[in-house]
Amino acid sequence: MHHGQMCGRHFASGQPLRLKWSDGVISEVSAGPADMSGTWLAPTLLDLQINGYGGVDFQRDDHLTEAHLLSAARQMRRDGCGRFFFTLITDEWPKLMSRVRRAKAIRDASPELRTALVGWHIEGPFLSPEVGFKGAHNPAVMRDATEADIRELRAVTGCDPVLLTLAPERGGSLEAIRLSTSLGIVVSLGHTNVSADTMRAAVAAGARGFTHLGNGIPQQLDRHDNILWRVFDTPGLMPSLIPDTHHVSPLLFRHMHRALPPERIYYTTDAMSAAGAPPGRYTIGSIELEVGADQIVRQPGKPNFAGSALKPVDGITRAAQMLGKSWRDVWPHFSQRPAELMGLRNEIEVGQPADFCVVTAGADGMLLEAQIP
């Protein structure tokens, strides 16, 4: 709705609010009625890693249409996520740039999509080809980043926010990080077995994030020195976590929240086309995937995961359960923290987009539903 008003309690302060919005923008925030015990207002969920949603595969479809993107965006909105980053994984660079050009042209022409699709995440091909660290990415097309690649990415995306995931041990990566940072591209490390020294050099060069920590790594790690310990020991990185209980076990999830300051953690679904859709066979590009009733995404016959089928609002519920906290405690990890990483604002304030969530909580404090008006 482009115009309206809503009352509820602010998710963080608990204060009753009355919000009014016009033309899709919040126009007034004032005190609301005191008796709003079951309704809460929170900033929309912001997911920086969406590979597809609700049967739409961003990677595979080189004939993406406005209808496809609107379908994905509306299904995410139904599931509490009002803003997302269109994400592409490792492929030949010209194909990736062609897909971004097409999606951006569609987005720019649609007012609804301009509100929802707020940035771009390129995860590869500048990643580690090592077994375990490559994940589901195709090592045959992985390579080092060049100055021309980074400048083309910036030219194709214009002034939009961009997140680039790379492995800093690859040749030329530190130069690519410096150039990306100078052009306003946020660099996240990921799918990497980088040494502690090179990781710190990458941060000094401008790297700020770490993509889906706990994933894109082998099942067995050196107990004395491994990528998890290196991230924990490196100031300046904000890792993302997938809070589905599968990609990161509840035990490791809790340890990560103890090892890292809360302002250094944000959540993502890493959703692919099966998210918000029933079990079955789906794709990320040319990779065929199988999703069971347990919502775990696997390559048929293989144990490794490949993206997730997690709904954003379910990520809030599962994170709260794993940590033994209220949904209100974990909500910033999926709303304000990712915005901070990307230099965006995501608050319930006058002048902000009216894509906030209306949350219904049960008597036990657990999240029941989160919808965007």
Protein backbone atom coordinates (compact mmCIF):
# COMPACT_ATOMS: atom_id res chain seq x y z
CA MET A 1 0.00 0.00 0.00
CA HIS A 2 1.33 3.44 -0.92
CA HIS A 3 -0.69 5.29 1.76
CA GLY A 4 -1.82 4.27 5.23
CA GLN A 5 -1.12 4.11 8.92
CA MET A 6 -0.28 1.42 11.46
CA CYS A 7 0.07 1.19 15.23
CA GLY A 8 2.26 -1.15 17.24
CA ARG A 9 5.20 -1.35 19.63
CA HIS A 10 8.73 -0.61 18.44
CA PHE A 11 10.56 -3.94 18.38
CA ALA A 12 13.59 -2.61 20.30
CA SER A 13 12.27 0.01 22.71
CA GLY A 14 8.80 -1.45 23.28
CA GLN A 15 7.31 2.04 22.96
CA PRO A 16 3.89 2.28 21.28
CA LEU A 17 4.11 3.97 17.88
CA ARG A 18 1.78 5.28 15.23
CA LEU A 19 3.26 5.26 11.73
CA LYS A 20 1.84 7.08 8.76
CA TRP A 21 3.15 6.78 5.23
CA SER A 22 2.42 8.38 1.88
CA ASP A 23 3.68 7.46 -1.59
CA GLY A 24 5.56 4.52 -0.06
CA VAL A 25 7.57 6.69 2.37
CA ILE A 26 7.11 7.06 6.15
CA SER A 27 5.72 10.54 6.73
CA GLU A 28 5.07 10.52 10.49
CA VAL A 29 6.28 8.62 13.57
CA SER A 30 4.39 9.54 16.75
CA ALA A 31 3.23 8.04 20.04
CA GLY A 32 0.58 5.37 19.62
CA PRO A 33 -2.10 3.84 21.85
CA ALA A 34 -0.75 2.03 24.91
CA ASP A 35 -2.66 -1.23 24.41
CA MET A 36 -0.70 -2.79 21.51
CA SER A 37 0.69 -5.79 23.38
CA GLY A 38 0.53 -8.28 20.49
CA THR A 39 1.64 -6.16 17.57
CA TRP A 40 5.21 -5.00 16.96
CA LEU A 41 6.82 -2.81 14.31
CA ALA A 42 10.34 -3.58 13.07
CA PRO A 43 12.59 -2.56 10.16
CA THR A 44 12.18 -4.83 7.18
CA LEU A 45 14.51 -7.78 6.82
CA LEU A 46 17.35 -7.08 4.38
CA ASP A 47 18.99 -10.10 2.73
CA LEU A 48 22.31 -9.49 0.97
CA GLN A 49 22.47 -12.94 -0.65
CA ILE A 50 19.44 -14.02 -2.69
CA ASN A 51 20.25 -16.36 -5.60
CA GLY A 52 16.57 -16.83 -6.40
CA TYR A 53 13.26 -17.30 -4.64
CA GLY A 54 9.89 -18.95 -5.02
CA GLY A 55 10.81 -20.94 -8.12
CA VAL A 56 12.76 -18.11 -9.79
CA ASP A 57 16.47 -18.81 -10.43
CA PHE A 58 18.47 -15.63 -10.97
CA GLN A 59 21.52 -17.55 -12.20
CA ARG A 60 19.93 -19.84 -14.74
CA ASP A 61 17.48 -17.64 -16.54
CA ASP A 62 19.20 -15.54 -19.22
CA HIS A 63 15.71 -14.51 -20.29
CA LEU A 64 14.70 -13.02 -16.95
CA THR A 65 11.52 -10.95 -17.12
CA GLU A 66 9.86 -8.34 -14.95
CA ALA A 67 7.25 -10.95 -14.02
CA HIS A 68 9.98 -13.27 -12.71
CA LEU A 69 11.59 -10.60 -10.56
CA LEU A 70 8.27 -9.30 -9.27
CA SER A 71 7.21 -12.82 -8.35
CA ALA A 72 10.41 -13.40 -6.38
CA ALA A 73 10.25 -9.97 -4.69
CA ARG A 74 6.60 -10.36 -3.70
CA GLN A 75 7.18 -13.80 -2.23
CA MET A 76 10.12 -12.45 -0.22
CA ARG A 77 7.93 -9.58 0.94
CA ARG A 78 5.32 -12.12 2.07
CA ASP A 79 8.10 -13.75 4.12
CA GLY A 80 9.25 -10.55 5.85
CA CYS A 81 12.03 -9.44 3.48
CA GLY A 82 11.34 -6.10 1.86
CA ARG A 83 14.82 -5.49 0.41
CA PHE A 84 17.37 -7.83 -1.11
CA PHE A 85 20.58 -8.07 -3.12
CA PHE A 86 20.33 -9.92 -6.44
CA THR A 87 23.10 -12.53 -6.19
CA LEU A 88 25.00 -14.42 -8.89
CA ILE A 89 27.53 -17.19 -8.30
CA THR A 90 30.62 -18.29 -10.22
CA ASP A 91 30.30 -18.35 -14.00
CA GLU A 92 32.11 -16.88 -16.98
CA TRP A 93 32.46 -13.16 -16.32
CA PRO A 94 30.72 -11.94 -19.52
CA LYS A 95 27.69 -14.08 -18.65
CA LEU A 96 27.53 -12.64 -15.14
CA MET A 97 27.72 -9.07 -16.40
CA SER A 98 25.08 -9.78 -19.04
CA ARG A 99 22.70 -11.07 -16.35
CA VAL A 100 23.31 -8.04 -14.17
CA ARG A 101 22.70 -5.68 -17.11
CA ARG A 102 19.41 -7.39 -17.92
CA ALA A 103 18.20 -7.50 -14.31
CA LYS A 104 19.20 -3.89 -13.69
CA ALA A 105 17.33 -2.65 -16.76
CA ILE A 106 14.22 -4.46 -15.56
CA ARG A 107 14.65 -3.15 -12.00
CA ASP A 108 15.24 0.44 -13.10
CA ALA A 109 12.00 0.46 -15.10
CA SER A 110 9.82 -0.77 -12.20
CA PRO A 111 9.02 1.42 -9.15
CA GLU A 112 8.13 -1.69 -7.14
CA LEU A 113 11.41 -3.41 -7.95
CA ARG A 114 13.45 -0.26 -7.29
CA THR A 115 12.20 -0.43 -3.70
CA ALA A 116 12.89 -4.16 -3.29
CA LEU A 117 16.02 -4.94 -5.32
CA VAL A 118 18.46 -2.53 -3.71
CA GLY A 119 21.84 -3.98 -4.64
CA TRP A 120 23.97 -6.63 -6.31
CA HIS A 121 26.12 -9.41 -4.89
CA ILE A 122 28.67 -11.15 -7.11
CA GLU A 123 29.94 -14.33 -5.41
CA GLY A 124 32.73 -15.52 -7.68
CA PRO A 125 34.46 -16.37 -9.93
CA PHE A 126 37.40 -15.03 -7.90
CA LEU A 127 37.24 -17.87 -5.34
CA SER A 128 39.36 -20.76 -4.10
CA PRO A 129 39.17 -23.93 -6.24
CA GLU A 130 40.32 -26.08 -3.29
CA VAL A 131 38.08 -29.05 -2.51
CA GLY A 132 35.85 -28.12 0.41
CA PHE A 133 36.42 -24.41 -0.01
CA LYS A 134 34.93 -24.18 -3.51
CA GLY A 135 31.53 -25.39 -2.29
CA ALA A 136 29.10 -25.87 -5.18
CA HIS A 137 30.97 -23.34 -7.36
CA ASN A 138 32.52 -24.52 -10.62
CA PRO A 139 36.34 -24.35 -10.34
CA ALA A 140 36.72 -24.65 -14.13
CA VAL A 141 35.68 -21.02 -14.58
CA MET A 142 37.30 -19.57 -11.46
CA ARG A 143 40.12 -17.08 -12.04
CA ASP A 144 41.93 -14.05 -10.68
CA ALA A 145 40.24 -10.65 -10.69
CA THR A 146 41.57 -7.94 -13.01
CA GLU A 147 41.28 -4.18 -12.94
CA ALA A 148 39.06 -4.39 -16.04
CA ASP A 149 36.65 -6.75 -14.21
CA ILE A 150 36.24 -4.42 -11.26
CA ARG A 151 35.76 -1.35 -13.42
CA GLU A 152 33.21 -3.17 -15.58
CA LEU A 153 31.27 -4.28 -12.49
CA ARG A 154 31.11 -0.70 -11.28
CA ALA A 155 30.08 0.58 -14.72
CA VAL A 156 27.34 -2.05 -15.13
CA THR A 157 25.85 -1.44 -11.68
CA GLY A 158 26.07 2.35 -11.82
CA CYS A 159 25.64 3.95 -8.41
CA ASP A 160 23.93 0.92 -6.85
CA PRO A 161 25.33 -0.80 -3.75
CA VAL A 162 27.51 -3.78 -4.71
CA LEU A 163 28.91 -6.61 -2.61
CA LEU A 164 31.75 -8.66 -4.12
CA THR A 165 32.85 -11.96 -2.57
CA LEU A 166 36.39 -13.10 -3.37
CA ALA A 167 39.23 -15.26 -2.02
CA PRO A 168 42.14 -12.94 -1.15
CA GLU A 169 44.82 -15.58 -1.72
CA ARG A 170 44.23 -15.40 -5.47
CA GLY A 171 46.66 -13.39 -7.57
CA GLY A 172 45.89 -9.68 -7.74
CA SER A 173 43.20 -9.87 -5.04
CA LEU A 174 44.67 -7.20 -2.78
CA GLU A 175 44.84 -4.80 -5.72
CA ALA A 176 41.26 -5.74 -6.63
CA ILE A 177 40.14 -5.04 -3.05
CA ARG A 178 41.80 -1.61 -3.05
CA LEU A 179 40.28 -0.68 -6.39
CA SER A 180 36.82 -2.00 -5.43
CA THR A 181 36.90 -0.01 -2.20
CA SER A 182 37.91 3.15 -4.04
CA LEU A 183 34.92 2.65 -6.37
CA GLY A 184 32.43 2.12 -3.54
CA ILE A 185 32.18 -1.68 -3.91
CA VAL A 186 32.07 -3.54 -0.58
CA VAL A 187 34.37 -6.57 -0.57
CA SER A 188 33.54 -9.69 1.41
CA LEU A 189 35.95 -12.61 1.77
CA GLY A 190 34.59 -16.09 1.18
CA HIS A 191 35.18 -19.56 -0.24
CA THR A 192 38.75 -19.07 0.88
CA ASN A 193 41.54 -20.80 2.76
CA VAL A 194 43.47 -17.57 3.17
CA SER A 195 46.30 -17.38 5.71
CA ALA A 196 45.95 -15.18 8.78
CA ASP A 197 48.55 -12.73 7.47
CA THR A 198 46.90 -12.36 4.06
CA MET A 199 43.47 -12.04 5.69
CA ARG A 200 44.74 -9.11 7.73
CA ALA A 201 46.32 -7.62 4.60
CA ALA A 202 42.93 -7.93 2.86
CA VAL A 203 41.24 -6.06 5.70
CA ALA A 204 43.94 -3.39 5.56
CA ALA A 205 43.23 -3.09 1.82
CA GLY A 206 39.53 -2.50 2.51
CA ALA A 207 37.73 -5.87 2.84
CA ARG A 208 34.86 -5.59 5.31
CA GLY A 209 32.74 -8.76 5.25
CA PHE A 210 33.00 -12.54 5.28
CA THR A 211 30.41 -14.49 3.29
CA HIS A 212 28.41 -17.25 5.07
CA LEU A 213 31.01 -18.11 7.69
CA GLY A 214 30.95 -21.82 8.53
CA ASN A 215 30.14 -22.77 4.92
CA GLY A 216 32.37 -23.14 1.91
CA ILE A 217 34.82 -25.04 4.13
CA PRO A 218 35.71 -28.75 4.45
CA GLN A 219 33.91 -30.87 7.01
CA GLN A 220 37.23 -31.57 8.77
CA LEU A 221 39.57 -28.73 9.77
CA ASP A 222 42.95 -28.44 11.48
CA ARG A 223 42.21 -27.92 15.15
CA HIS A 224 45.12 -25.52 15.61
CA ASP A 225 44.75 -23.24 12.58
CA ASN A 226 41.72 -23.02 10.32
CA ILE A 227 39.60 -20.43 8.56
CA LEU A 228 37.14 -20.11 11.46
CA TRP A 229 39.85 -19.29 14.00
CA ARG A 230 41.42 -16.81 11.57
CA VAL A 231 38.14 -14.93 11.11
CA PHE A 232 37.49 -14.86 14.86
CA ASP A 233 40.98 -13.42 15.35
CA THR A 234 40.74 -10.73 12.66
CA PRO A 235 39.23 -7.37 13.66
CA GLY A 236 37.36 -5.45 10.99
CA LEU A 237 35.37 -8.26 9.34
CA MET A 238 31.58 -8.64 9.60
CA PRO A 239 30.65 -12.26 8.77
CA SER A 240 27.25 -13.43 7.62
CA LEU A 241 25.66 -16.57 9.07
CA ILE A 242 22.88 -18.73 7.64
CA PRO A 243 20.49 -19.32 10.57
CA ASP A 244 18.71 -22.43 9.29
CA THR A 245 20.23 -24.92 11.82
CA HIS A 246 21.73 -26.90 8.89
CA HIS A 247 24.47 -24.75 7.38
CA VAL A 248 25.71 -23.83 10.85
CA SER A 249 24.84 -26.25 13.66
CA PRO A 250 23.13 -24.75 16.73
CA LEU A 251 26.27 -25.49 18.79
CA LEU A 252 28.59 -23.68 16.37
CA PHE A 253 26.03 -20.90 15.93
CA ARG A 254 26.12 -20.22 19.67
CA HIS A 255 29.93 -20.35 19.78
CA MET A 256 30.12 -17.84 16.91
CA HIS A 257 27.91 -15.42 18.84
CA ARG A 258 30.19 -15.78 21.84
CA ALA A 259 33.39 -15.36 19.83
CA LEU A 260 32.25 -12.31 17.82
CA PRO A 261 30.79 -9.01 19.07
CA PRO A 262 27.09 -8.72 18.15
CA GLU A 263 27.74 -5.74 15.89
CA ARG A 264 30.02 -7.96 13.77
CA ILE A 265 27.36 -10.53 12.79
CA TYR A 266 24.65 -10.34 10.16
CA TYR A 267 22.31 -13.02 8.82
CA THR A 268 21.47 -14.15 5.32
CA THR A 269 19.40 -16.98 3.88
CA ASP A 270 21.67 -17.55 0.86
CA ALA A 271 18.31 -18.47 -0.66
CA MET A 272 17.99 -20.15 -4.03
CA SER A 273 14.94 -20.87 -6.16
CA ALA A 274 13.51 -23.45 -3.72
CA ALA A 275 13.10 -20.89 -0.93
CA GLY A 276 9.45 -20.24 -0.26
CA ALA A 277 8.55 -23.15 -2.58
CA PRO A 278 7.64 -26.83 -1.95
CA PRO A 279 10.19 -29.68 -1.89
CA GLY A 280 11.42 -30.87 -5.28
CA ARG A 281 14.20 -30.38 -7.81
CA TYR A 282 15.49 -26.89 -8.52
CA THR A 283 18.56 -25.22 -10.03
CA ILE A 284 21.27 -22.66 -9.44
CA GLY A 285 22.40 -22.06 -12.98
CA SER A 286 23.44 -25.38 -14.51
CA ILE A 287 23.62 -27.09 -11.10
CA GLU A 288 20.64 -29.35 -10.41
CA LEU A 289 19.63 -29.45 -6.75
CA GLU A 290 17.28 -31.49 -4.64
CA VAL A 291 15.27 -30.09 -1.73
CA GLY A 292 13.63 -32.46 0.73
CA ALA A 293 10.95 -31.92 3.33
CA ASP A 294 13.76 -30.94 5.74
CA GLN A 295 14.42 -27.85 3.53
CA ILE A 296 18.06 -28.87 3.05
CA VAL A 297 19.39 -28.11 -0.44
CA ARG A 298 21.83 -30.71 -1.79
CA GLN A 299 23.27 -31.81 -5.07
CA PRO A 300 21.66 -35.23 -5.74
CA GLY A 301 23.83 -37.99 -4.29
CA LYS A 302 26.20 -35.57 -2.55
CA PRO A 303 26.30 -34.49 1.11
CA ASN A 304 27.35 -30.86 0.60
CA PHE A 305 24.85 -28.01 0.76
CA ALA A 306 24.21 -25.60 -2.11
CA GLY A 307 22.28 -22.51 -1.09
CA SER A 308 19.23 -22.77 1.15
CA ALA A 309 15.45 -22.95 1.03
CA LEU A 310 15.15 -20.83 4.17
CA LYS A 311 12.48 -18.13 4.38
CA PRO A 312 13.91 -14.93 5.91
CA VAL A 313 11.31 -14.74 8.70
CA ASP A 314 12.00 -18.39 9.57
CA GLY A 315 15.66 -17.45 9.94
CA ILE A 316 14.66 -15.06 12.74
CA THR A 317 12.70 -17.76 14.55
CA ARG A 318 15.46 -20.35 14.25
CA ALA A 319 18.21 -17.95 15.29
CA ALA A 320 16.23 -17.01 18.40
CA GLN A 321 15.65 -20.67 19.26
CA MET A 322 19.31 -21.60 18.76
CA LEU A 323 20.48 -18.74 20.98
CA GLY A 324 17.72 -19.03 23.57
CA LYS A 325 16.77 -15.40 22.96
CA SER A 326 13.75 -13.41 21.89
CA TRP A 327 13.09 -12.65 18.22
CA ARG A 328 13.54 -9.00 19.22
CA ASP A 329 17.15 -9.68 20.22
CA VAL A 330 18.16 -11.25 16.90
CA TRP A 331 16.14 -9.03 14.54
CA PRO A 332 18.95 -6.43 14.09
CA HIS A 333 21.25 -9.13 12.69
CA PHE A 334 18.87 -9.48 9.73
CA SER A 335 17.88 -5.84 9.29
CA GLN A 336 20.22 -3.16 10.62
CA ARG A 337 23.55 -5.06 10.57
CA PRO A 338 23.50 -5.89 6.83
CA ALA A 339 22.43 -2.31 6.12
CA GLU A 340 25.40 -1.02 8.11
CA LEU A 341 27.82 -3.23 6.17
CA MET A 342 26.56 -1.76 2.90
CA GLY A 343 26.31 1.84 4.08
CA LEU A 344 22.50 1.82 3.92
CA ARG A 345 19.84 2.95 6.38
CA ASN A 346 17.15 0.55 7.57
CA GLU A 347 15.23 2.19 10.41
CA ILE A 348 11.65 3.13 11.24
CA GLU A 349 12.07 6.83 10.67
CA VAL A 350 10.46 9.66 8.72
CA GLY A 351 11.76 9.65 5.18
CA GLN A 352 12.54 5.93 5.13
CA PRO A 353 10.68 3.54 2.79
CA ALA A 354 7.45 2.18 4.27
CA ASP A 355 8.58 -1.43 3.98
CA PHE A 356 8.69 -2.08 7.74
CA CYS A 357 7.44 -5.37 9.18
CA VAL A 358 4.31 -5.81 11.28
CA VAL A 359 5.19 -8.63 13.67
CA THR A 360 2.74 -10.74 15.64
CA ALA A 361 4.28 -12.43 18.66
CA GLY A 362 2.78 -15.16 20.80
CA ALA A 363 2.27 -15.16 24.54
CA ASP A 364 5.60 -16.96 24.95
CA GLY A 365 7.37 -14.18 23.07
CA MET A 366 8.11 -16.31 20.01
CA LEU A 367 7.58 -14.92 16.55
CA LEU A 368 4.38 -16.03 14.86
CA GLU A 369 4.26 -13.87 11.75
CA ALA A 370 6.00 -10.92 10.14
CA GLN A 371 4.37 -9.18 7.20
CA ILE A 372 5.08 -5.99 5.30
CA PRO A 373 2.01 -3.76 4.76
